[in-house]
N, C-alpha and C. Protein backbone atom coordinates (compact mmCIF):
# COMPACT_ATOMS: atom_id res chain seq x y z
N UNK A 1 -48.41 25.40 -85.53
CA UNK A 1 -47.52 26.54 -85.66
C UNK A 1 -47.14 26.73 -87.12
N UNK A 2 -47.32 27.91 -87.59
CA UNK A 2 -46.94 28.22 -88.95
C UNK A 2 -45.42 28.36 -89.02
N UNK A 3 -44.82 27.80 -90.04
CA UNK A 3 -43.38 27.83 -90.16
C UNK A 3 -42.86 29.19 -90.62
N UNK A 4 -43.71 29.97 -91.25
CA UNK A 4 -43.23 31.23 -91.81
C UNK A 4 -43.36 32.40 -90.84
N UNK A 5 -43.84 32.20 -89.65
CA UNK A 5 -43.88 33.30 -88.69
C UNK A 5 -42.89 33.03 -87.56
N UNK A 6 -42.38 34.09 -86.98
CA UNK A 6 -41.41 33.92 -85.91
C UNK A 6 -42.12 33.47 -84.63
N UNK A 7 -41.52 32.53 -83.94
CA UNK A 7 -42.10 32.03 -82.71
C UNK A 7 -41.91 33.05 -81.60
N UNK A 8 -42.90 33.14 -80.70
CA UNK A 8 -42.89 34.12 -79.63
C UNK A 8 -43.01 33.41 -78.29
N UNK A 9 -42.30 33.95 -77.29
CA UNK A 9 -42.31 33.38 -75.95
C UNK A 9 -42.89 34.40 -74.98
N UNK A 10 -43.89 33.96 -74.20
CA UNK A 10 -44.46 34.78 -73.15
C UNK A 10 -43.73 34.44 -71.85
N UNK A 11 -43.24 35.44 -71.14
CA UNK A 11 -42.53 35.24 -69.89
C UNK A 11 -43.33 35.90 -68.78
N UNK A 12 -43.89 35.07 -67.87
CA UNK A 12 -44.66 35.58 -66.73
C UNK A 12 -43.69 35.72 -65.58
N UNK A 13 -43.24 36.94 -65.33
CA UNK A 13 -42.15 37.18 -64.39
C UNK A 13 -42.39 38.50 -63.67
N UNK A 14 -42.77 38.42 -62.40
CA UNK A 14 -43.04 39.62 -61.61
C UNK A 14 -41.76 40.41 -61.31
N UNK A 15 -40.71 39.71 -60.92
CA UNK A 15 -39.49 40.36 -60.46
C UNK A 15 -38.53 40.76 -61.58
N UNK A 16 -38.52 40.03 -62.68
CA UNK A 16 -37.68 40.38 -63.81
C UNK A 16 -36.33 39.68 -63.89
N UNK A 17 -35.93 38.91 -62.86
CA UNK A 17 -34.63 38.22 -62.91
C UNK A 17 -34.59 37.17 -64.01
N UNK A 18 -35.66 36.41 -64.14
CA UNK A 18 -35.72 35.36 -65.16
C UNK A 18 -35.73 35.99 -66.55
N UNK A 19 -36.52 37.04 -66.73
CA UNK A 19 -36.55 37.73 -68.03
C UNK A 19 -35.18 38.25 -68.41
N UNK A 20 -34.46 38.79 -67.43
CA UNK A 20 -33.12 39.28 -67.68
C UNK A 20 -32.18 38.17 -68.14
N UNK A 21 -32.26 37.02 -67.47
CA UNK A 21 -31.42 35.89 -67.84
C UNK A 21 -31.76 35.40 -69.25
N UNK A 22 -33.05 35.39 -69.59
CA UNK A 22 -33.46 34.95 -70.93
C UNK A 22 -32.97 35.92 -71.99
N UNK A 23 -32.99 37.20 -71.70
CA UNK A 23 -32.49 38.18 -72.66
C UNK A 23 -30.98 38.01 -72.88
N UNK A 24 -30.25 37.72 -71.79
CA UNK A 24 -28.81 37.49 -71.91
C UNK A 24 -28.51 36.23 -72.71
N UNK A 25 -29.45 35.29 -72.72
CA UNK A 25 -29.26 34.05 -73.47
C UNK A 25 -29.37 34.25 -74.97
N UNK A 26 -29.75 35.43 -75.41
CA UNK A 26 -29.84 35.78 -76.84
C UNK A 26 -30.68 34.77 -77.61
N UNK A 27 -31.91 34.59 -77.18
CA UNK A 27 -32.82 33.69 -77.88
C UNK A 27 -33.20 34.30 -79.22
N UNK A 28 -33.45 33.46 -80.20
CA UNK A 28 -33.83 33.96 -81.52
C UNK A 28 -35.30 34.35 -81.57
N UNK A 29 -36.08 33.96 -80.57
CA UNK A 29 -37.51 34.27 -80.53
C UNK A 29 -37.74 35.52 -79.68
N UNK A 30 -38.72 36.34 -80.07
CA UNK A 30 -39.04 37.51 -79.25
C UNK A 30 -39.64 37.09 -77.90
N UNK A 31 -39.27 37.84 -76.86
CA UNK A 31 -39.80 37.61 -75.51
C UNK A 31 -40.84 38.67 -75.20
N UNK A 32 -41.93 38.24 -74.61
CA UNK A 32 -42.99 39.15 -74.22
C UNK A 32 -43.20 38.95 -72.72
N UNK A 33 -42.73 39.90 -71.92
CA UNK A 33 -42.81 39.78 -70.47
C UNK A 33 -44.12 40.36 -69.96
N UNK A 34 -44.78 39.59 -69.06
CA UNK A 34 -45.98 40.06 -68.39
C UNK A 34 -45.79 39.86 -66.89
N UNK A 35 -46.46 40.71 -66.10
CA UNK A 35 -46.40 40.54 -64.65
C UNK A 35 -47.76 40.18 -64.08
N UNK A 36 -48.78 40.20 -64.92
CA UNK A 36 -50.13 39.80 -64.51
C UNK A 36 -50.55 38.60 -65.35
N UNK A 37 -51.56 37.90 -64.88
CA UNK A 37 -52.03 36.70 -65.57
C UNK A 37 -52.41 37.01 -67.02
N UNK A 38 -51.82 36.30 -67.97
CA UNK A 38 -52.15 36.55 -69.38
C UNK A 38 -53.55 36.02 -69.72
N UNK A 39 -54.23 36.72 -70.59
CA UNK A 39 -55.55 36.30 -71.02
C UNK A 39 -55.48 35.29 -72.15
N UNK A 40 -56.64 34.77 -72.51
CA UNK A 40 -56.72 33.79 -73.60
C UNK A 40 -56.17 34.35 -74.90
N UNK A 41 -56.49 35.60 -75.20
CA UNK A 41 -56.02 36.19 -76.46
C UNK A 41 -54.49 36.34 -76.45
N UNK A 42 -53.90 36.57 -75.27
CA UNK A 42 -52.44 36.64 -75.16
C UNK A 42 -51.83 35.28 -75.48
N UNK A 43 -52.41 34.22 -74.93
CA UNK A 43 -51.87 32.88 -75.11
C UNK A 43 -51.99 32.40 -76.55
N UNK A 44 -52.98 32.89 -77.27
CA UNK A 44 -53.14 32.51 -78.67
C UNK A 44 -52.03 33.08 -79.56
N UNK A 45 -51.33 34.09 -79.06
CA UNK A 45 -50.31 34.76 -79.85
C UNK A 45 -48.90 34.24 -79.59
N UNK A 46 -48.75 33.30 -78.64
CA UNK A 46 -47.41 32.83 -78.29
C UNK A 46 -47.29 31.33 -78.50
N UNK A 47 -46.05 30.86 -78.61
CA UNK A 47 -45.78 29.45 -78.84
C UNK A 47 -45.32 28.72 -77.59
N UNK A 48 -44.84 29.48 -76.61
CA UNK A 48 -44.31 28.89 -75.39
C UNK A 48 -44.49 29.89 -74.26
N UNK A 49 -44.83 29.37 -73.08
CA UNK A 49 -44.91 30.23 -71.89
C UNK A 49 -43.78 29.82 -70.95
N UNK A 50 -43.15 30.81 -70.35
CA UNK A 50 -42.14 30.57 -69.33
C UNK A 50 -42.63 31.26 -68.06
N UNK A 51 -42.65 30.50 -66.96
CA UNK A 51 -43.08 31.06 -65.68
C UNK A 51 -41.88 31.13 -64.75
N UNK A 52 -41.65 32.31 -64.16
CA UNK A 52 -40.58 32.48 -63.19
C UNK A 52 -41.05 31.94 -61.85
N UNK A 53 -40.24 31.09 -61.23
CA UNK A 53 -40.58 30.50 -59.93
C UNK A 53 -39.64 31.08 -58.88
N UNK A 54 -40.20 31.94 -58.02
CA UNK A 54 -39.42 32.54 -56.95
C UNK A 54 -39.85 32.01 -55.58
N UNK A 55 -41.12 31.63 -55.45
CA UNK A 55 -41.64 31.17 -54.16
C UNK A 55 -42.78 30.18 -54.39
N UNK A 56 -43.25 29.58 -53.31
CA UNK A 56 -44.33 28.58 -53.40
C UNK A 56 -45.60 29.17 -54.00
N UNK A 57 -45.83 30.45 -53.82
CA UNK A 57 -47.06 31.06 -54.36
C UNK A 57 -47.07 31.08 -55.89
N UNK A 58 -45.91 30.97 -56.50
CA UNK A 58 -45.84 30.98 -57.97
C UNK A 58 -46.40 29.71 -58.60
N UNK A 59 -46.62 28.65 -57.81
CA UNK A 59 -47.19 27.42 -58.37
C UNK A 59 -48.61 27.65 -58.89
N UNK A 60 -49.31 28.63 -58.36
CA UNK A 60 -50.65 28.95 -58.87
C UNK A 60 -50.57 29.43 -60.32
N UNK A 61 -49.51 30.14 -60.65
CA UNK A 61 -49.32 30.60 -62.03
C UNK A 61 -49.12 29.40 -62.96
N UNK A 62 -48.33 28.47 -62.48
CA UNK A 62 -48.04 27.28 -63.29
C UNK A 62 -49.31 26.48 -63.51
N UNK A 63 -50.10 26.32 -62.45
CA UNK A 63 -51.36 25.59 -62.56
C UNK A 63 -52.31 26.27 -63.55
N UNK A 64 -52.22 27.59 -63.65
CA UNK A 64 -53.10 28.33 -64.56
C UNK A 64 -52.67 28.17 -66.02
N UNK A 65 -51.37 27.99 -66.26
CA UNK A 65 -50.88 27.96 -67.64
C UNK A 65 -50.63 26.56 -68.20
N UNK A 66 -50.06 25.66 -67.40
CA UNK A 66 -49.62 24.36 -67.91
C UNK A 66 -50.68 23.58 -68.68
N UNK A 67 -51.95 23.59 -68.25
CA UNK A 67 -52.95 22.84 -69.03
C UNK A 67 -53.32 23.52 -70.36
N UNK A 68 -52.98 24.79 -70.52
CA UNK A 68 -53.44 25.55 -71.67
C UNK A 68 -52.38 25.79 -72.74
N UNK A 69 -51.11 25.81 -72.32
CA UNK A 69 -50.04 26.10 -73.27
C UNK A 69 -48.77 25.40 -72.79
N UNK A 70 -47.91 25.05 -73.71
CA UNK A 70 -46.62 24.45 -73.36
C UNK A 70 -45.90 25.42 -72.42
N UNK A 71 -45.61 24.97 -71.19
CA UNK A 71 -45.09 25.85 -70.15
C UNK A 71 -43.79 25.31 -69.57
N UNK A 72 -42.77 26.16 -69.56
CA UNK A 72 -41.48 25.82 -68.97
C UNK A 72 -41.30 26.69 -67.73
N UNK A 73 -40.85 26.07 -66.65
CA UNK A 73 -40.60 26.79 -65.41
C UNK A 73 -39.11 27.11 -65.35
N UNK A 74 -38.78 28.36 -65.03
CA UNK A 74 -37.39 28.73 -64.77
C UNK A 74 -37.36 29.16 -63.31
N UNK A 75 -36.63 28.40 -62.50
CA UNK A 75 -36.66 28.55 -61.05
C UNK A 75 -35.45 29.27 -60.49
N UNK A 76 -35.71 30.20 -59.58
CA UNK A 76 -34.64 30.87 -58.85
C UNK A 76 -34.40 30.18 -57.51
N UNK A 77 -35.21 29.14 -57.20
CA UNK A 77 -35.11 28.49 -55.90
C UNK A 77 -34.10 27.35 -55.86
N UNK A 78 -33.80 26.73 -56.99
CA UNK A 78 -32.86 25.60 -57.08
C UNK A 78 -33.25 24.45 -56.14
N UNK A 79 -34.53 24.21 -55.99
CA UNK A 79 -35.02 23.15 -55.11
C UNK A 79 -35.39 21.94 -55.95
N UNK A 80 -34.71 20.78 -55.73
CA UNK A 80 -34.98 19.57 -56.53
C UNK A 80 -36.42 19.09 -56.34
N UNK A 81 -37.03 19.37 -55.19
CA UNK A 81 -38.42 18.98 -54.98
C UNK A 81 -39.33 19.73 -55.96
N UNK A 82 -38.95 20.97 -56.29
CA UNK A 82 -39.73 21.73 -57.27
C UNK A 82 -39.68 21.07 -58.64
N UNK A 83 -38.55 20.49 -58.97
CA UNK A 83 -38.42 19.81 -60.26
C UNK A 83 -39.38 18.64 -60.35
N UNK A 84 -39.48 17.87 -59.28
CA UNK A 84 -40.43 16.74 -59.26
C UNK A 84 -41.86 17.25 -59.36
N UNK A 85 -42.13 18.34 -58.68
CA UNK A 85 -43.48 18.93 -58.73
C UNK A 85 -43.80 19.42 -60.14
N UNK A 86 -42.80 19.97 -60.81
CA UNK A 86 -43.00 20.44 -62.19
C UNK A 86 -43.38 19.29 -63.10
N UNK A 87 -42.69 18.17 -62.96
CA UNK A 87 -43.03 16.99 -63.76
C UNK A 87 -44.46 16.55 -63.52
N UNK A 88 -44.85 16.48 -62.25
CA UNK A 88 -46.20 16.00 -61.94
C UNK A 88 -47.28 17.01 -62.28
N UNK A 89 -46.94 18.29 -62.39
CA UNK A 89 -47.94 19.31 -62.71
C UNK A 89 -48.22 19.41 -64.21
N UNK A 90 -47.42 18.72 -65.00
CA UNK A 90 -47.63 18.78 -66.45
C UNK A 90 -46.82 19.86 -67.13
N UNK A 91 -45.89 20.49 -66.42
CA UNK A 91 -45.04 21.49 -67.04
C UNK A 91 -44.18 20.82 -68.11
N UNK A 92 -43.89 21.55 -69.16
CA UNK A 92 -43.12 21.01 -70.28
C UNK A 92 -41.63 21.01 -69.99
N UNK A 93 -41.23 21.75 -68.94
CA UNK A 93 -39.83 21.78 -68.58
C UNK A 93 -39.61 22.47 -67.26
N UNK A 94 -38.44 22.23 -66.69
CA UNK A 94 -38.03 22.86 -65.44
C UNK A 94 -36.54 23.15 -65.57
N UNK A 95 -36.19 24.42 -65.51
CA UNK A 95 -34.81 24.83 -65.65
C UNK A 95 -34.41 25.68 -64.45
N UNK A 96 -33.16 25.58 -64.08
CA UNK A 96 -32.63 26.34 -62.96
C UNK A 96 -32.07 27.66 -63.49
N UNK A 97 -32.36 28.75 -62.80
CA UNK A 97 -31.88 30.07 -63.22
C UNK A 97 -30.36 30.13 -63.25
N UNK A 98 -29.69 29.23 -62.53
CA UNK A 98 -28.24 29.21 -62.49
C UNK A 98 -27.58 28.59 -63.72
N UNK A 99 -28.36 28.12 -64.68
CA UNK A 99 -27.78 27.55 -65.91
C UNK A 99 -27.00 28.62 -66.67
N UNK A 100 -26.02 28.20 -67.42
CA UNK A 100 -25.30 29.14 -68.27
C UNK A 100 -26.25 29.65 -69.35
N UNK A 101 -25.91 30.80 -69.91
CA UNK A 101 -26.75 31.38 -70.98
C UNK A 101 -26.86 30.41 -72.15
N UNK A 102 -25.77 29.72 -72.45
CA UNK A 102 -25.78 28.78 -73.57
C UNK A 102 -26.72 27.60 -73.31
N UNK A 103 -26.65 27.04 -72.09
CA UNK A 103 -27.52 25.91 -71.75
C UNK A 103 -28.98 26.35 -71.70
N UNK A 104 -29.24 27.53 -71.18
CA UNK A 104 -30.60 28.05 -71.12
C UNK A 104 -31.15 28.25 -72.52
N UNK A 105 -30.34 28.82 -73.40
CA UNK A 105 -30.76 29.02 -74.80
C UNK A 105 -31.07 27.69 -75.48
N UNK A 106 -30.19 26.71 -75.31
CA UNK A 106 -30.37 25.40 -75.93
C UNK A 106 -31.67 24.75 -75.45
N UNK A 107 -31.95 24.83 -74.16
CA UNK A 107 -33.16 24.21 -73.61
C UNK A 107 -34.43 24.90 -74.11
N UNK A 108 -34.42 26.22 -74.17
CA UNK A 108 -35.61 26.97 -74.61
C UNK A 108 -35.84 26.76 -76.11
N UNK A 109 -34.79 26.79 -76.89
CA UNK A 109 -34.93 26.53 -78.34
C UNK A 109 -35.48 25.12 -78.55
N UNK A 110 -34.99 24.16 -77.78
CA UNK A 110 -35.50 22.80 -77.86
C UNK A 110 -36.98 22.73 -77.51
N UNK A 111 -37.38 23.46 -76.47
CA UNK A 111 -38.79 23.48 -76.07
C UNK A 111 -39.66 24.06 -77.18
N UNK A 112 -39.17 25.07 -77.87
CA UNK A 112 -39.91 25.63 -79.00
C UNK A 112 -40.09 24.60 -80.11
N UNK A 113 -39.14 23.66 -80.23
CA UNK A 113 -39.22 22.60 -81.23
C UNK A 113 -40.01 21.40 -80.74
N UNK A 114 -40.46 21.42 -79.48
CA UNK A 114 -41.25 20.32 -78.96
C UNK A 114 -40.48 19.34 -78.10
N UNK A 115 -39.27 19.68 -77.68
CA UNK A 115 -38.47 18.81 -76.83
C UNK A 115 -38.66 19.22 -75.37
N UNK A 116 -38.99 18.29 -74.49
CA UNK A 116 -39.14 18.63 -73.07
C UNK A 116 -37.87 19.27 -72.52
N UNK A 117 -38.02 20.28 -71.70
CA UNK A 117 -36.86 21.04 -71.20
C UNK A 117 -36.55 20.68 -69.75
N UNK A 118 -36.20 19.43 -69.53
CA UNK A 118 -35.78 18.97 -68.21
C UNK A 118 -34.33 18.55 -68.30
N UNK A 119 -33.56 18.81 -67.24
CA UNK A 119 -32.16 18.39 -67.24
C UNK A 119 -32.09 16.87 -67.11
N UNK A 120 -30.97 16.32 -67.53
CA UNK A 120 -30.78 14.87 -67.40
C UNK A 120 -30.80 14.45 -65.94
N UNK A 121 -30.28 15.30 -65.06
CA UNK A 121 -30.26 14.95 -63.63
C UNK A 121 -31.67 14.80 -63.09
N UNK A 122 -32.56 15.71 -63.46
CA UNK A 122 -33.94 15.64 -62.99
C UNK A 122 -34.64 14.42 -63.57
N UNK A 123 -34.47 14.20 -64.87
CA UNK A 123 -35.08 13.03 -65.49
C UNK A 123 -34.48 11.75 -64.93
N UNK A 124 -33.18 11.78 -64.65
CA UNK A 124 -32.53 10.62 -64.05
C UNK A 124 -33.11 10.28 -62.70
N UNK A 125 -33.34 11.30 -61.87
CA UNK A 125 -33.98 11.07 -60.57
C UNK A 125 -35.33 10.41 -60.75
N UNK A 126 -36.10 10.93 -61.70
CA UNK A 126 -37.44 10.40 -61.92
C UNK A 126 -37.40 8.95 -62.43
N UNK A 127 -36.47 8.67 -63.34
CA UNK A 127 -36.36 7.31 -63.85
C UNK A 127 -35.96 6.35 -62.73
N UNK A 128 -35.01 6.76 -61.90
CA UNK A 128 -34.61 5.90 -60.79
C UNK A 128 -35.78 5.60 -59.87
N UNK A 129 -36.62 6.58 -59.62
CA UNK A 129 -37.82 6.37 -58.80
C UNK A 129 -38.76 5.40 -59.50
N UNK A 130 -38.99 5.64 -60.79
CA UNK A 130 -39.89 4.78 -61.56
C UNK A 130 -39.38 3.35 -61.65
N UNK A 131 -38.06 3.22 -61.86
CA UNK A 131 -37.49 1.88 -61.98
C UNK A 131 -37.56 1.13 -60.65
N UNK A 132 -37.54 1.87 -59.57
CA UNK A 132 -37.60 1.24 -58.26
C UNK A 132 -39.01 0.93 -57.79
N UNK A 133 -40.02 1.40 -58.49
CA UNK A 133 -41.41 1.18 -58.07
C UNK A 133 -42.20 0.48 -59.15
N UNK A 134 -43.13 -0.27 -58.72
CA UNK A 134 -44.11 -0.96 -59.58
C UNK A 134 -43.49 -1.68 -60.77
N UNK A 135 -42.33 -2.28 -60.56
CA UNK A 135 -41.69 -3.14 -61.56
C UNK A 135 -41.64 -2.50 -62.94
N UNK A 136 -41.20 -1.26 -63.00
CA UNK A 136 -40.99 -0.53 -64.25
C UNK A 136 -42.23 -0.50 -65.16
N UNK A 137 -43.36 -0.10 -64.57
CA UNK A 137 -44.59 -0.06 -65.36
C UNK A 137 -44.48 0.88 -66.56
N UNK A 138 -43.72 1.95 -66.41
CA UNK A 138 -43.60 2.90 -67.52
C UNK A 138 -42.92 2.26 -68.72
N UNK A 139 -41.80 1.58 -68.49
CA UNK A 139 -41.10 0.98 -69.62
C UNK A 139 -41.82 -0.26 -70.12
N UNK A 140 -42.52 -0.97 -69.25
CA UNK A 140 -43.29 -2.13 -69.70
C UNK A 140 -44.39 -1.71 -70.67
N UNK A 141 -45.03 -0.57 -70.34
CA UNK A 141 -46.13 -0.12 -71.21
C UNK A 141 -45.61 0.21 -72.60
N UNK A 142 -44.34 0.52 -72.72
CA UNK A 142 -43.76 0.80 -74.02
C UNK A 142 -43.13 -0.45 -74.64
N UNK A 143 -43.19 -1.57 -73.93
CA UNK A 143 -42.66 -2.85 -74.40
C UNK A 143 -41.19 -2.76 -74.78
N UNK A 144 -40.40 -2.13 -73.93
CA UNK A 144 -38.96 -2.05 -74.17
C UNK A 144 -38.31 -3.38 -73.78
N UNK A 145 -37.25 -3.71 -74.48
CA UNK A 145 -36.51 -4.91 -74.13
C UNK A 145 -35.72 -4.64 -72.85
N UNK A 146 -35.26 -5.68 -72.17
CA UNK A 146 -34.44 -5.46 -70.98
C UNK A 146 -33.20 -4.60 -71.28
N UNK A 147 -32.56 -4.82 -72.42
CA UNK A 147 -31.38 -4.04 -72.79
C UNK A 147 -31.76 -2.57 -72.98
N UNK A 148 -32.92 -2.32 -73.62
CA UNK A 148 -33.35 -0.94 -73.83
C UNK A 148 -33.67 -0.26 -72.50
N UNK A 149 -34.20 -1.00 -71.54
CA UNK A 149 -34.45 -0.43 -70.21
C UNK A 149 -33.12 -0.07 -69.54
N UNK A 150 -32.10 -0.91 -69.73
CA UNK A 150 -30.77 -0.60 -69.19
C UNK A 150 -30.21 0.67 -69.84
N UNK A 151 -30.36 0.76 -71.14
CA UNK A 151 -29.83 1.91 -71.88
C UNK A 151 -30.53 3.19 -71.44
N UNK A 152 -31.86 3.18 -71.32
CA UNK A 152 -32.57 4.41 -70.93
C UNK A 152 -32.22 4.80 -69.50
N UNK A 153 -32.00 3.83 -68.62
CA UNK A 153 -31.59 4.15 -67.25
C UNK A 153 -30.21 4.81 -67.24
N UNK A 154 -29.30 4.34 -68.10
CA UNK A 154 -27.98 4.96 -68.19
C UNK A 154 -28.04 6.34 -68.82
N UNK A 155 -28.90 6.50 -69.83
CA UNK A 155 -29.08 7.81 -70.45
C UNK A 155 -29.57 8.80 -69.40
N UNK A 156 -30.45 8.36 -68.54
CA UNK A 156 -31.01 9.24 -67.51
C UNK A 156 -29.94 9.75 -66.55
N UNK A 157 -28.86 9.02 -66.42
CA UNK A 157 -27.77 9.48 -65.55
C UNK A 157 -26.82 10.42 -66.28
N UNK A 158 -27.04 10.60 -67.57
CA UNK A 158 -26.19 11.48 -68.36
C UNK A 158 -25.03 10.77 -69.01
N UNK A 159 -25.08 9.44 -69.05
CA UNK A 159 -23.98 8.65 -69.60
C UNK A 159 -23.84 8.88 -71.12
N UNK A 160 -22.59 8.99 -71.56
CA UNK A 160 -22.29 9.09 -73.00
C UNK A 160 -22.36 7.70 -73.61
N UNK A 161 -22.27 7.63 -74.94
CA UNK A 161 -22.25 6.32 -75.60
C UNK A 161 -21.08 5.47 -75.10
N UNK A 162 -19.94 6.10 -74.91
CA UNK A 162 -18.77 5.37 -74.42
C UNK A 162 -19.03 4.82 -73.02
N UNK A 163 -19.65 5.65 -72.15
CA UNK A 163 -19.94 5.21 -70.78
C UNK A 163 -21.01 4.12 -70.77
N UNK A 164 -21.98 4.22 -71.68
CA UNK A 164 -23.00 3.16 -71.78
C UNK A 164 -22.33 1.86 -72.20
N UNK A 165 -21.46 1.93 -73.19
CA UNK A 165 -20.75 0.74 -73.65
C UNK A 165 -19.93 0.12 -72.54
N UNK A 166 -19.24 0.96 -71.80
CA UNK A 166 -18.42 0.47 -70.69
C UNK A 166 -19.27 -0.19 -69.61
N UNK A 167 -20.38 0.45 -69.25
CA UNK A 167 -21.26 -0.09 -68.21
C UNK A 167 -21.89 -1.41 -68.62
N UNK A 168 -22.19 -1.56 -69.91
CA UNK A 168 -22.86 -2.77 -70.38
C UNK A 168 -21.88 -3.81 -70.94
N UNK A 169 -20.60 -3.47 -70.99
CA UNK A 169 -19.60 -4.40 -71.49
C UNK A 169 -19.68 -4.61 -72.99
N UNK A 170 -20.02 -3.55 -73.72
CA UNK A 170 -20.14 -3.62 -75.18
C UNK A 170 -19.32 -2.50 -75.80
N UNK A 171 -19.09 -2.57 -77.10
CA UNK A 171 -18.33 -1.54 -77.80
C UNK A 171 -19.14 -0.24 -77.88
N UNK A 172 -18.43 0.88 -78.00
CA UNK A 172 -19.09 2.19 -78.12
C UNK A 172 -20.02 2.22 -79.33
N UNK A 173 -19.58 1.65 -80.44
CA UNK A 173 -20.42 1.62 -81.65
C UNK A 173 -21.71 0.84 -81.42
N UNK A 174 -21.63 -0.24 -80.66
CA UNK A 174 -22.83 -1.02 -80.34
C UNK A 174 -23.75 -0.21 -79.43
N UNK A 175 -23.15 0.51 -78.49
CA UNK A 175 -23.96 1.37 -77.60
C UNK A 175 -24.68 2.43 -78.42
N UNK A 176 -23.99 3.01 -79.41
CA UNK A 176 -24.61 4.01 -80.28
C UNK A 176 -25.81 3.41 -81.01
N UNK A 177 -25.65 2.18 -81.48
CA UNK A 177 -26.75 1.52 -82.18
C UNK A 177 -27.94 1.29 -81.24
N UNK A 178 -27.65 0.89 -80.01
CA UNK A 178 -28.73 0.70 -79.03
C UNK A 178 -29.48 2.00 -78.79
N UNK A 179 -28.73 3.10 -78.64
CA UNK A 179 -29.37 4.40 -78.40
C UNK A 179 -30.21 4.80 -79.61
N UNK A 180 -29.67 4.63 -80.81
CA UNK A 180 -30.41 4.98 -82.03
C UNK A 180 -31.70 4.17 -82.15
N UNK A 181 -31.61 2.87 -81.88
CA UNK A 181 -32.81 2.02 -81.95
C UNK A 181 -33.83 2.40 -80.88
N UNK A 182 -33.34 2.77 -79.70
CA UNK A 182 -34.23 3.19 -78.62
C UNK A 182 -34.99 4.45 -79.01
N UNK A 183 -34.27 5.44 -79.56
CA UNK A 183 -34.91 6.69 -80.00
C UNK A 183 -35.95 6.41 -81.07
N UNK A 184 -35.61 5.50 -81.99
CA UNK A 184 -36.54 5.16 -83.07
C UNK A 184 -37.78 4.44 -82.51
N UNK A 185 -37.55 3.51 -81.59
CA UNK A 185 -38.67 2.75 -81.01
C UNK A 185 -39.63 3.65 -80.24
N UNK A 186 -39.06 4.62 -79.51
CA UNK A 186 -39.89 5.55 -78.75
C UNK A 186 -40.41 6.70 -79.60
N UNK A 187 -39.88 6.83 -80.83
CA UNK A 187 -40.26 7.89 -81.75
C UNK A 187 -40.04 9.27 -81.12
N UNK A 188 -38.81 9.46 -80.63
CA UNK A 188 -38.43 10.73 -79.99
C UNK A 188 -37.16 11.27 -80.65
N UNK A 189 -36.94 12.61 -80.56
CA UNK A 189 -35.82 13.21 -81.28
C UNK A 189 -34.47 13.14 -80.56
N UNK A 190 -34.48 12.96 -79.23
CA UNK A 190 -33.20 12.99 -78.51
C UNK A 190 -33.27 12.19 -77.22
N UNK A 191 -32.14 12.15 -76.51
CA UNK A 191 -32.03 11.35 -75.30
C UNK A 191 -32.94 11.84 -74.18
N UNK A 192 -33.01 13.15 -73.98
CA UNK A 192 -33.87 13.69 -72.92
C UNK A 192 -35.33 13.32 -73.18
N UNK A 193 -35.73 13.40 -74.43
CA UNK A 193 -37.10 13.04 -74.78
C UNK A 193 -37.35 11.54 -74.56
N UNK A 194 -36.33 10.71 -74.77
CA UNK A 194 -36.47 9.28 -74.53
C UNK A 194 -36.72 9.00 -73.06
N UNK A 195 -35.97 9.68 -72.21
CA UNK A 195 -36.17 9.52 -70.76
C UNK A 195 -37.57 10.00 -70.38
N UNK A 196 -37.96 11.16 -70.90
CA UNK A 196 -39.28 11.69 -70.59
C UNK A 196 -40.39 10.77 -71.07
N UNK A 197 -40.21 10.14 -72.24
CA UNK A 197 -41.24 9.25 -72.79
C UNK A 197 -41.44 8.03 -71.91
N UNK A 198 -40.41 7.59 -71.22
CA UNK A 198 -40.57 6.42 -70.35
C UNK A 198 -41.27 6.76 -69.07
N UNK A 199 -41.45 8.05 -68.79
CA UNK A 199 -42.11 8.48 -67.55
C UNK A 199 -43.59 8.67 -67.71
N UNK A 200 -44.08 8.70 -68.93
CA UNK A 200 -45.50 9.00 -69.16
C UNK A 200 -46.35 7.76 -69.14
């Protein structure tokens, strides 16, 4: 991506509800709404694709885009099972249409910068599943220490540094240091990305 050109977002939305919500979020990037499958030349002109999810048939759209371009799903269904499916399909993010304009803007801007756009609750569910199966193969492959595995599990629940410190019986400053070292070890920019990195 060239730094001197404005980033563009393609929104594949038949009904227009998702496009409307994105416009209300006042994104700094131009939105390009399409209602038919975008061609290769269309995808070459955009930095991020957003697919509106209204029904099960919309998963075909996601399957068509996710392997080709960074794709975020914005769902009007609010079904947690869809969030798990989004993770397994390779989507770069899954957001609920019910998010506030501010939260939606923050997540989309983050996705443009390369940060996965999944809520902490969704990532937390996934981490809990992963931690409960196959003896934490995801975190083992990253060679995290037992303390770092505890910290990432707490981050996945949305815990603040103070809550992490309280849960682990350590000072808030020590918890902050653990989080900083975890982000550095995983080479990720933020907490959500740290949780996502342990899932791959």
